[in-house]
Structure formats: C-alpha cells, structure tokens
PDB file of N, CA and C in Angstrom:
ATOM      1  N   MET A   1       6.949 -12.350  -6.167  1.00  0.00           N
ATOM      2  CA  MET A   1       5.808 -11.588  -6.125  1.00  0.00           C
ATOM      3  C   MET A   1       5.499 -11.077  -7.669  1.00  0.00           C
ATOM      4  N   SER A   2       4.025 -11.109  -7.908  1.00  0.00           N
ATOM      5  CA  SER A   2       3.722 -10.648  -9.232  1.00  0.00           C
ATOM      6  C   SER A   2       2.722  -9.619  -9.242  1.00  0.00           C
ATOM      7  N   PHE A   3       2.420  -8.879 -10.144  1.00  0.00           N
ATOM      8  CA  PHE A   3       1.407  -7.833 -10.391  1.00  0.00           C
ATOM      9  C   PHE A   3       0.220  -8.526 -10.149  1.00  0.00           C
ATOM     10  N   ASP A   4      -0.772  -8.268  -9.174  1.00  0.00           N
ATOM     11  CA  ASP A   4      -2.054  -8.674  -8.982  1.00  0.00           C
ATOM     12  C   ASP A   4      -3.079  -7.526  -8.810  1.00  0.00           C
ATOM     13  N   PRO A   5      -3.698  -7.349  -9.952  1.00  0.00           N
ATOM     14  CA  PRO A   5      -4.702  -6.083 -10.119  1.00  0.00           C
ATOM     15  C   PRO A   5      -5.859  -6.251  -8.744  1.00  0.00           C
ATOM     16  N   ASN A   6      -6.144  -7.418  -8.346  1.00  0.00           N
ATOM     17  CA  ASN A   6      -7.163  -7.463  -7.280  1.00  0.00           C
ATOM     18  C   ASN A   6      -6.652  -7.216  -6.024  1.00  0.00           C
ATOM     19  N   ALA A   7      -5.345  -7.519  -5.776  1.00  0.00           N
ATOM     20  CA  ALA A   7      -4.745  -7.144  -4.405  1.00  0.00           C
ATOM     21  C   ALA A   7      -4.660  -5.636  -4.601  1.00  0.00           C
ATOM     22  N   ILE A   8      -4.254  -4.902  -5.620  1.00  0.00           N
ATOM     23  CA  ILE A   8      -3.993  -3.549  -5.541  1.00  0.00           C
ATOM     24  C   ILE A   8      -5.322  -2.868  -5.398  1.00  0.00           C
ATOM     25  N   GLY A   9      -6.373  -3.384  -6.061  1.00  0.00           N
ATOM     26  CA  GLY A   9      -7.737  -2.894  -5.897  1.00  0.00           C
ATOM     27  C   GLY A   9      -8.116  -2.928  -4.462  1.00  0.00           C
ATOM     28  N   ASN A  10      -7.884  -4.207  -3.730  1.00  0.00           N
ATOM     29  CA  ASN A  10      -8.199  -4.337  -2.272  1.00  0.00           C
ATOM     30  C   ASN A  10      -7.506  -3.154  -1.346  1.00  0.00           C
ATOM     31  N   ARG A  11      -6.346  -2.941  -1.821  1.00  0.00           N
ATOM     32  CA  ARG A  11      -5.558  -1.917  -1.019  1.00  0.00           C
ATOM     33  C   ARG A  11      -6.092  -0.591  -1.244  1.00  0.00           C
ATOM     34  N   ILE A  12      -6.602  -0.186  -2.443  1.00  0.00           N
ATOM     35  CA  ILE A  12      -7.156   1.031  -2.744  1.00  0.00           C
ATOM     36  C   ILE A  12      -8.384   1.185  -1.959  1.00  0.00           C
ATOM     37  N   PHE A  13      -9.332   0.140  -2.072  1.00  0.00           N
ATOM     38  CA  PHE A  13     -10.617   0.163  -1.376  1.00  0.00           C
ATOM     39  C   PHE A  13     -10.245   0.236   0.389  1.00  0.00           C
ATOM     40  N   THR A  14      -9.480  -0.291   0.814  1.00  0.00           N
ATOM     41  CA  THR A  14      -9.128  -0.278   2.306  1.00  0.00           C
ATOM     42  C   THR A  14      -8.723   1.163   2.546  1.00  0.00           C
ATOM     43  N   LEU A  15      -7.656   1.635   1.816  1.00  0.00           N
ATOM     44  CA  LEU A  15      -7.268   3.057   2.055  1.00  0.00           C
ATOM     45  C   LEU A  15      -8.476   4.105   1.902  1.00  0.00           C
ATOM     46  N   ARG A  16      -9.381   3.768   0.773  1.00  0.00           N
ATOM     47  CA  ARG A  16     -10.605   4.727   0.732  1.00  0.00           C
ATOM     48  C   ARG A  16     -11.486   4.776   1.955  1.00  0.00           C
ATOM     49  N   THR A  17     -11.791   3.418   2.370  1.00  0.00           N
ATOM     50  CA  THR A  17     -12.739   3.155   3.552  1.00  0.00           C
ATOM     51  C   THR A  17     -12.286   3.608   4.765  1.00  0.00           C
ATOM     52  N   ASN A  18     -11.033   3.428   5.003  1.00  0.00           N
ATOM     53  CA  ASN A  18     -10.326   3.799   6.239  1.00  0.00           C
ATOM     54  C   ASN A  18     -10.355   5.349   6.418  1.00  0.00           C
ATOM     55  N   ALA A  19     -10.371   5.842   5.099  1.00  0.00           N
ATOM     56  CA  ALA A  19     -10.356   7.481   5.164  1.00  0.00           C
ATOM     57  C   ALA A  19     -11.815   8.024   5.091  1.00  0.00           C
ATOM     58  N   LYS A  20     -12.653   7.051   5.241  1.00  0.00           N
ATOM     59  CA  LYS A  20     -14.257   7.286   5.259  1.00  0.00           C
ATOM     60  C   LYS A  20     -14.552   8.215   3.994  1.00  0.00           C
ATOM     61  N   LEU A  21     -14.051   7.840   2.863  1.00  0.00           N
ATOM     62  CA  LEU A  21     -14.440   8.432   1.579  1.00  0.00           C
ATOM     63  C   LEU A  21     -15.299   7.464   0.546  1.00  0.00           C
ATOM     64  N   SER A  22     -16.160   8.063   0.084  1.00  0.00           N
ATOM     65  CA  SER A  22     -17.138   7.413  -0.915  1.00  0.00           C
ATOM     66  C   SER A  22     -16.255   7.132  -2.163  1.00  0.00           C
ATOM     67  N   GLN A  23     -16.692   6.310  -2.985  1.00  0.00           N
ATOM     68  CA  GLN A  23     -15.984   6.264  -4.565  1.00  0.00           C
ATOM     69  C   GLN A  23     -16.181   7.566  -5.096  1.00  0.00           C
ATOM     70  N   GLU A  24     -17.280   8.305  -5.050  1.00  0.00           N
ATOM     71  CA  GLU A  24     -17.440   9.345  -5.737  1.00  0.00           C
ATOM     72  C   GLU A  24     -16.377  10.619  -5.202  1.00  0.00           C
ATOM     73  N   LYS A  25     -16.319  10.622  -3.940  1.00  0.00           N
ATOM     74  CA  LYS A  25     -15.588  11.727  -3.299  1.00  0.00           C
ATOM     75  C   LYS A  25     -14.070  11.535  -3.706  1.00  0.00           C
ATOM     76  N   LEU A  26     -13.673  10.398  -3.657  1.00  0.00           N
ATOM     77  CA  LEU A  26     -12.179  10.100  -4.015  1.00  0.00           C
ATOM     78  C   LEU A  26     -11.909  10.211  -5.390  1.00  0.00           C
ATOM     79  N   ALA A  27     -12.906   9.829  -6.122  1.00  0.00           N
ATOM     80  CA  ALA A  27     -12.772   9.947  -7.608  1.00  0.00           C
ATOM     81  C   ALA A  27     -12.804  11.324  -7.999  1.00  0.00           C
ATOM     82  N   GLU A  28     -13.504  12.140  -7.286  1.00  0.00           N
ATOM     83  CA  GLU A  28     -13.337  13.663  -7.571  1.00  0.00           C
ATOM     84  C   GLU A  28     -12.142  14.254  -7.275  1.00  0.00           C
ATOM     85  N   LYS A  29     -11.331  13.732  -6.122  1.00  0.00           N
ATOM     86  CA  LYS A  29     -10.142  14.297  -5.620  1.00  0.00           C
ATOM     87  C   LYS A  29      -9.160  13.719  -6.572  1.00  0.00           C
ATOM     88  N   LEU A  30      -9.173  12.636  -7.063  1.00  0.00           N
ATOM     89  CA  LEU A  30      -8.153  12.019  -8.083  1.00  0.00           C
ATOM     90  C   LEU A  30      -8.494  12.611  -9.639  1.00  0.00           C
ATOM     91  N   ASP A  31      -9.733  13.213  -9.700  1.00  0.00           N
ATOM     92  CA  ASP A  31     -10.000  13.632 -11.007  1.00  0.00           C
ATOM     93  C   ASP A  31     -10.174  12.431 -12.114  1.00  0.00           C
ATOM     94  N   VAL A  32     -10.793  11.593 -11.419  1.00  0.00           N
ATOM     95  CA  VAL A  32     -11.211  10.396 -12.583  1.00  0.00           C
ATOM     96  C   VAL A  32     -12.871  10.050 -12.240  1.00  0.00           C
ATOM     97  N   SER A  33     -13.288   9.305 -13.116  1.00  0.00           N
ATOM     98  CA  SER A  33     -14.906   8.921 -12.903  1.00  0.00           C
ATOM     99  C   SER A  33     -14.858   8.029 -11.706  1.00  0.00           C
ATOM    100  N   HIS A  34     -16.017   7.957 -10.981  1.00  0.00           N
ATOM    101  CA  HIS A  34     -16.079   6.910 -10.001  1.00  0.00           C
ATOM    102  C   HIS A  34     -16.300   5.526 -10.588  1.00  0.00           C
ATOM    103  N   ARG A  35     -16.725   5.409 -11.861  1.00  0.00           N
ATOM    104  CA  ARG A  35     -16.671   4.147 -12.490  1.00  0.00           C
ATOM    105  C   ARG A  35     -15.375   3.568 -12.655  1.00  0.00           C
ATOM    106  N   HIS A  36     -14.483   4.489 -13.004  1.00  0.00           N
ATOM    107  CA  HIS A  36     -13.059   3.990 -13.415  1.00  0.00           C
ATOM    108  C   HIS A  36     -12.395   3.716 -11.883  1.00  0.00           C
ATOM    109  N   LEU A  37     -12.703   4.409 -10.960  1.00  0.00           N
ATOM    110  CA  LEU A  37     -12.297   4.114  -9.438  1.00  0.00           C
ATOM    111  C   LEU A  37     -12.640   2.636  -9.016  1.00  0.00           C
ATOM    112  N   GLY A  38     -14.195   2.453  -9.515  1.00  0.00           N
ATOM    113  CA  GLY A  38     -14.540   1.267  -8.943  1.00  0.00           C
ATOM    114  C   GLY A  38     -14.054   0.123  -9.721  1.00  0.00           C
ATOM    115  N   ASP A  39     -13.679   0.169 -10.974  1.00  0.00           N
ATOM    116  CA  ASP A  39     -13.067  -0.718 -11.728  1.00  0.00           C
ATOM    117  C   ASP A  39     -11.595  -1.009 -11.205  1.00  0.00           C
ATOM    118  N   LEU A  40     -10.893   0.025 -10.666  1.00  0.00           N
ATOM    119  CA  LEU A  40      -9.646  -0.245 -10.219  1.00  0.00           C
ATOM    120  C   LEU A  40      -9.917  -1.135  -8.802  1.00  0.00           C
ATOM    121  N   GLU A  41     -10.877  -0.641  -7.990  1.00  0.00           N
ATOM    122  CA  GLU A  41     -10.952  -1.313  -6.843  1.00  0.00           C
ATOM    123  C   GLU A  41     -11.541  -2.939  -6.983  1.00  0.00           C
ATOM    124  N   ARG A  42     -12.040  -3.195  -8.230  1.00  0.00           N
ATOM    125  CA  ARG A  42     -12.393  -4.428  -8.296  1.00  0.00           C
ATOM    126  C   ARG A  42     -11.353  -5.279  -9.061  1.00  0.00           C
ATOM    127  N   GLY A  43     -10.243  -4.698  -9.338  1.00  0.00           N
ATOM    128  CA  GLY A  43      -9.054  -5.112 -10.273  1.00  0.00           C
ATOM    129  C   GLY A  43      -9.521  -5.398 -11.636  1.00  0.00           C
ATOM    130  N   SER A  44     -10.642  -5.025 -12.028  1.00  0.00           N
ATOM    131  CA  SER A  44     -11.030  -5.203 -13.517  1.00  0.00           C
ATOM    132  C   SER A  44     -10.340  -4.113 -14.606  1.00  0.00           C
ATOM    133  N   SER A  45      -9.532  -3.107 -13.909  1.00  0.00           N
ATOM    134  CA  SER A  45      -9.010  -2.120 -14.810  1.00  0.00           C
ATOM    135  C   SER A  45      -7.702  -1.974 -14.124  1.00  0.00           C
ATOM    136  N   ASN A  46      -6.745  -1.758 -14.861  1.00  0.00           N
ATOM    137  CA  ASN A  46      -5.377  -1.364 -14.424  1.00  0.00           C
ATOM    138  C   ASN A  46      -5.191   0.232 -14.500  1.00  0.00           C
ATOM    139  N   GLY A  47      -4.633   0.842 -13.562  1.00  0.00           N
ATOM    140  CA  GLY A  47      -4.642   2.058 -13.388  1.00  0.00           C
ATOM    141  C   GLY A  47      -3.331   2.782 -14.129  1.00  0.00           C
ATOM    142  N   SER A  48      -3.465   3.907 -14.665  1.00  0.00           N
ATOM    143  CA  SER A  48      -2.272   4.408 -15.282  1.00  0.00           C
ATOM    144  C   SER A  48      -1.239   4.847 -14.368  1.00  0.00           C
ATOM    145  N   VAL A  49      -0.041   5.172 -14.652  1.00  0.00           N
ATOM    146  CA  VAL A  49       1.003   5.575 -13.802  1.00  0.00           C
ATOM    147  C   VAL A  49       0.711   6.735 -12.972  1.00  0.00           C
ATOM    148  N   LYS A  50      -0.186   7.703 -13.724  1.00  0.00           N
ATOM    149  CA  LYS A  50      -0.471   8.841 -13.188  1.00  0.00           C
ATOM    150  C   LYS A  50      -1.507   8.710 -11.985  1.00  0.00           C
ATOM    151  N   ILE A  51      -2.478   7.844 -12.216  1.00  0.00           N
ATOM    152  CA  ILE A  51      -3.566   7.795 -11.127  1.00  0.00           C
ATOM    153  C   ILE A  51      -2.917   6.873  -9.902  1.00  0.00           C
ATOM    154  N   LEU A  52      -1.986   6.010 -10.178  1.00  0.00           N
ATOM    155  CA  LEU A  52      -1.371   5.303  -9.235  1.00  0.00           C
ATOM    156  C   LEU A  52      -0.447   6.224  -8.323  1.00  0.00           C
ATOM    157  N   ILE A  53       0.182   7.123  -8.982  1.00  0.00           N
ATOM    158  CA  ILE A  53       1.089   8.118  -8.146  1.00  0.00           C
ATOM    159  C   ILE A  53       0.082   9.100  -7.467  1.00  0.00           C
ATOM    160  N   ASP A  54      -1.017   9.516  -7.957  1.00  0.00           N
ATOM    161  CA  ASP A  54      -1.974  10.408  -7.367  1.00  0.00           C
ATOM    162  C   ASP A  54      -2.629   9.625  -6.183  1.00  0.00           C
ATOM    163  N   ILE A  55      -2.778   8.407  -6.215  1.00  0.00           N
ATOM    164  CA  ILE A  55      -3.485   7.587  -5.190  1.00  0.00           C
ATOM    165  C   ILE A  55      -2.240   7.552  -4.090  1.00  0.00           C
ATOM    166  N   VAL A  56      -1.016   7.231  -4.325  1.00  0.00           N
ATOM    167  CA  VAL A  56      -0.086   7.109  -3.181  1.00  0.00           C
ATOM    168  C   VAL A  56       0.241   8.349  -2.579  1.00  0.00           C
ATOM    169  N   GLU A  57       0.178   9.487  -3.405  1.00  0.00           N
ATOM    170  CA  GLU A  57       0.448  10.860  -2.851  1.00  0.00           C
ATOM    171  C   GLU A  57      -0.697  11.329  -1.838  1.00  0.00           C
ATOM    172  N   TYR A  58      -1.840  10.892  -2.384  1.00  0.00           N
ATOM    173  CA  TYR A  58      -3.173  11.247  -1.587  1.00  0.00           C
ATOM    174  C   TYR A  58      -3.170  10.704  -0.259  1.00  0.00           C
ATOM    175  N   PHE A  59      -2.824   9.411  -0.359  1.00  0.00           N
ATOM    176  CA  PHE A  59      -3.038   8.595   0.984  1.00  0.00           C
ATOM    177  C   PHE A  59      -1.606   8.526   1.768  1.00  0.00           C
ATOM    178  N   HIS A  60      -0.404   9.095   1.303  1.00  0.00           N
ATOM    179  CA  HIS A  60       0.695   9.075   1.866  1.00  0.00           C
ATOM    180  C   HIS A  60       1.318   7.831   2.025  1.00  0.00           C
ATOM    181  N   VAL A  61       1.087   6.930   1.109  1.00  0.00           N
ATOM    182  CA  VAL A  61       1.786   5.509   1.285  1.00  0.00           C
ATOM    183  C   VAL A  61       2.757   5.374   0.192  1.00  0.00           C
ATOM    184  N   SER A  62       3.448   4.388   0.214  1.00  0.00           N
ATOM    185  CA  SER A  62       4.486   3.960  -0.891  1.00  0.00           C
ATOM    186  C   SER A  62       4.114   3.216  -2.101  1.00  0.00           C
ATOM    187  N   MET A  63       4.526   3.355  -3.324  1.00  0.00           N
ATOM    188  CA  MET A  63       4.067   2.620  -4.295  1.00  0.00           C
ATOM    189  C   MET A  63       4.432   1.196  -4.135  1.00  0.00           C
ATOM    190  N   ASP A  64       5.467   0.889  -3.315  1.00  0.00           N
ATOM    191  CA  ASP A  64       5.739  -0.593  -3.011  1.00  0.00           C
ATOM    192  C   ASP A  64       4.489  -1.113  -2.248  1.00  0.00           C
ATOM    193  N   TYR A  65       3.839  -0.302  -1.397  1.00  0.00           N
ATOM    194  CA  TYR A  65       2.734  -0.761  -0.532  1.00  0.00           C
ATOM    195  C   TYR A  65       1.529  -1.018  -1.554  1.00  0.00           C
ATOM    196  N   LEU A  66       1.280   0.084  -2.281  1.00  0.00           N
ATOM    197  CA  LEU A  66       0.211  -0.010  -3.318  1.00  0.00           C
ATOM    198  C   LEU A  66       0.273  -1.124  -4.360  1.00  0.00           C
ATOM    199  N   LEU A  67       1.355  -1.267  -4.850  1.00  0.00           N
ATOM    200  CA  LEU A  67       1.585  -2.375  -5.998  1.00  0.00           C
ATOM    201  C   LEU A  67       1.846  -3.789  -5.428  1.00  0.00           C
ATOM    202  N   LEU A  68       2.637  -3.861  -4.453  1.00  0.00           N
ATOM    203  CA  LEU A  68       3.103  -5.011  -4.036  1.00  0.00           C
ATOM    204  C   LEU A  68       2.754  -5.331  -2.526  1.00  0.00           C
ATOM    205  N   GLY A  69       2.131  -4.494  -1.867  1.00  0.00           N
ATOM    206  CA  GLY A  69       1.786  -4.802  -0.393  1.00  0.00           C
ATOM    207  C   GLY A  69       2.908  -4.740   0.626  1.00  0.00           C
ATOM    208  N   ARG A  70       3.851  -4.297   0.234  1.00  0.00           N
ATOM    209  CA  ARG A  70       5.055  -4.212   1.000  1.00  0.00           C
ATOM    210  C   ARG A  70       5.152  -2.886   1.929  1.00  0.00           C
ATOM    211  N   ASP A  71       5.441  -2.800   3.025  1.00  0.00           N
ATOM    212  CA  ASP A  71       5.369  -1.690   3.953  1.00  0.00           C
ATOM    213  C   ASP A  71       6.791  -1.469   4.134  1.00  0.00           C
ATOM    214  N   PRO A  72       7.474  -0.416   3.847  1.00  0.00           N
ATOM    215  CA  PRO A  72       8.866  -0.173   3.987  1.00  0.00           C
ATOM    216  C   PRO A  72       9.152   0.107   5.529  1.00  0.00           C
ATOM    217  N   SER A  73       8.280   0.726   6.208  1.00  0.00           N
ATOM    218  CA  SER A  73       8.561   0.897   7.632  1.00  0.00           C
ATOM    219  C   SER A  73       8.564  -0.272   8.526  1.00  0.00           C
ATOM    220  N   ARG A  74       7.568  -1.318   7.896  1.00  0.00           N
ATOM    221  CA  ARG A  74       7.407  -2.462   8.674  1.00  0.00           C
ATOM    222  C   ARG A  74       8.730  -3.423   8.354  1.00  0.00           C
ATOM    223  N   ASP A  75       9.117  -3.287   7.136  1.00  0.00           N
ATOM    224  CA  ASP A  75      10.405  -3.940   6.737  1.00  0.00           C
ATOM    225  C   ASP A  75      11.665  -3.567   7.595  1.00  0.00           C
ATOM    226  N   GLN A  76      11.779  -2.223   7.636  1.00  0.00           N
ATOM    227  CA  GLN A  76      12.647  -1.690   8.607  1.00  0.00           C
ATOM    228  C   GLN A  76      12.647  -2.188   9.949  1.00  0.00           C
ATOM    229  N   PHE A  77      11.526  -2.043  10.499  1.00  0.00           N
ATOM    230  CA  PHE A  77      11.288  -2.466  11.869  1.00  0.00           C
ATOM    231  C   PHE A  77      11.730  -3.786  12.082  1.00  0.00           C
ATOM    232  N   GLN A  78      11.352  -4.847  11.145  1.00  0.00           N
ATOM    233  CA  GLN A  78      11.737  -6.243  11.311  1.00  0.00           C
ATOM    234  C   GLN A  78      13.189  -6.346  11.130  1.00  0.00           C
ATOM    235  N   ASN A  79      13.880  -5.521  10.317  1.00  0.00           N
ATOM    236  CA  ASN A  79      15.323  -5.644  10.212  1.00  0.00           C
ATOM    237  C   ASN A  79      16.017  -5.126  11.629  1.00  0.00           C
ATOM    238  N   GLU A  80      15.418  -4.064  12.175  1.00  0.00           N
ATOM    239  CA  GLU A  80      16.117  -3.667  13.324  1.00  0.00           C
ATOM    240  C   GLU A  80      15.799  -4.477  14.512  1.00  0.00           C
ATOM    241  N   LEU A  81      14.718  -5.241  14.537  1.00  0.00           N
ATOM    242  CA  LEU A  81      14.230  -6.356  15.562  1.00  0.00           C
ATOM    243  C   LEU A  81      15.159  -7.270  15.416  1.00  0.00           C
ATOM    244  N   GLN A  82      15.468  -8.085  14.142  1.00  0.00           N
ATOM    245  CA  GLN A  82      16.353  -9.024  13.961  1.00  0.00           C
ATOM    246  C   GLN A  82      17.904  -8.819  14.345  1.00  0.00           C
ATOM    247  N   ALA A  83      18.240  -7.469  14.095  1.00  0.00           N
ATOM    248  CA  ALA A  83      19.618  -7.072  14.570  1.00  0.00           C
ATOM    249  C   ALA A  83      19.778  -7.044  16.099  1.00  0.00           C
ATOM    250  N   ALA A  84      18.580  -6.600  16.627  1.00  0.00           N
ATOM    251  CA  ALA A  84      18.646  -6.563  18.304  1.00  0.00           C
ATOM    252  C   ALA A  84      18.716  -7.923  18.684  1.00  0.00           C
ATOM    253  N   ILE A  85      17.883  -8.783  18.178  1.00  0.00           N
ATOM    254  CA  ILE A  85      17.899 -10.379  18.523  1.00  0.00           C
ATOM    255  C   ILE A  85      19.252 -10.914  18.395  1.00  0.00           C
ATOM    256  N   ASP A  86      19.826 -10.549  17.122  1.00  0.00           N
ATOM    257  CA  ASP A  86      21.265 -11.197  17.031  1.00  0.00           C
ATOM    258  C   ASP A  86      22.286 -10.640  18.025  1.00  0.00           C
ATOM    259  N   HIS A  87      22.202  -9.376  18.372  1.00  0.00           N
ATOM    260  CA  HIS A  87      23.016  -8.793  19.389  1.00  0.00           C
ATOM    261  C   HIS A  87      22.717  -9.652  20.658  1.00  0.00           C
ATOM    262  N   LEU A  88      21.548  -9.743  21.214  1.00  0.00           N
ATOM    263  CA  LEU A  88      21.324 -10.281  22.494  1.00  0.00           C
ATOM    264  C   LEU A  88      21.774 -11.802  22.501  1.00  0.00           C
ATOM    265  N   GLU A  89      21.775 -12.576  21.278  1.00  0.00           N
ATOM    266  CA  GLU A  89      22.205 -13.781  21.166  1.00  0.00           C
ATOM    267  C   GLU A  89      23.788 -13.878  21.182  1.00  0.00           C
ATOM    268  N   LYS A  90      24.406 -12.899  20.750  1.00  0.00           N
ATOM    269  CA  LYS A  90      25.813 -12.754  21.035  1.00  0.00           C
ATOM    270  C   LYS A  90      26.174 -12.373  22.451  1.00  0.00           C
ATOM    271  N   ILE A  91      25.571 -11.587  23.178  1.00  0.00           N
ATOM    272  CA  ILE A  91      25.799 -11.436  24.478  1.00  0.00           C
ATOM    273  C   ILE A  91      25.534 -12.491  25.325  1.00  0.00           C
ATOM    274  N   LYS A  92      24.351 -13.263  24.999  1.00  0.00           N
ATOM    275  CA  LYS A  92      24.177 -14.594  25.898  1.00  0.00           C
ATOM    276  C   LYS A  92      25.118 -15.624  25.707  1.00  0.00           C
ATOM    277  N   GLY A  93      25.713 -15.510  24.318  1.00  0.00           N
ATOM    278  CA  GLY A  93      27.015 -16.644  24.128  1.00  0.00           C
ATOM    279  C   GLY A  93      28.220 -16.026  24.987  1.00  0.00           C
ATOM    280  N   LEU A  94      28.109 -14.881  25.227  1.00  0.00           N
ATOM    281  CA  LEU A  94      29.433 -14.499  26.147  1.00  0.00           C
ATOM    282  C   LEU A  94      29.337 -14.750  27.559  1.00  0.00           C
ATOM    283  N   LEU A  95      28.159 -15.006  28.007  1.00  0.00           N
ATOM    284  CA  LEU A  95      27.911 -15.226  29.493  1.00  0.00           C
ATOM    285  C   LEU A  95      28.126 -16.616  29.910  1.00  0.00           C
TER     286      LEU A  95
END
C-alpha cells in the first residue's frame, strides 16, 4: 500500500458529505481555509500532520482509515470470523 493523496481526499470528502457539512463549515471547524480543504479533498495538496489529526479526531476515525483506507474494526471482525470458521472446520473434522 502506498500514500495516495487522491484516495485520502476521497475519504475526507466522504466523511464530510456523510456528516452533511459544507467545505466552509468543516474548514471553519478545522481552522483552515475552505480552499485548503478543497485542495485536500481533490488530492492536490498534502495535509499537515496537525490537520490530519484534527480530521480523524473530528470524525472519530483512525489514522489508518484516513491514510490507508484500513478499518481496524473491520479487520478485527474478519479475524474473529476466520477464527470461528476454523473452529467449525475442526469440529466438522471430529464428526
């Protein structure tokens, strides 16, 4: 997996629109200009560590999700599901 500013921008856009916020309103909450936020959403500007932290804290998502698209809760669910499948296969083998 590599750093993809466009993918990060798409995730910021999705978070913002799902929260029904305009660029101006979110920019105000993050204390940045709406132009800078627009650049982030288009992937034409990289965000500072501070703004990325502010975004993950505001939307209550992980930095893994924002930067790489990984959802830790989904990863945990998949691991637990695989463990359950493995356990059932062992039981099936005993029958």
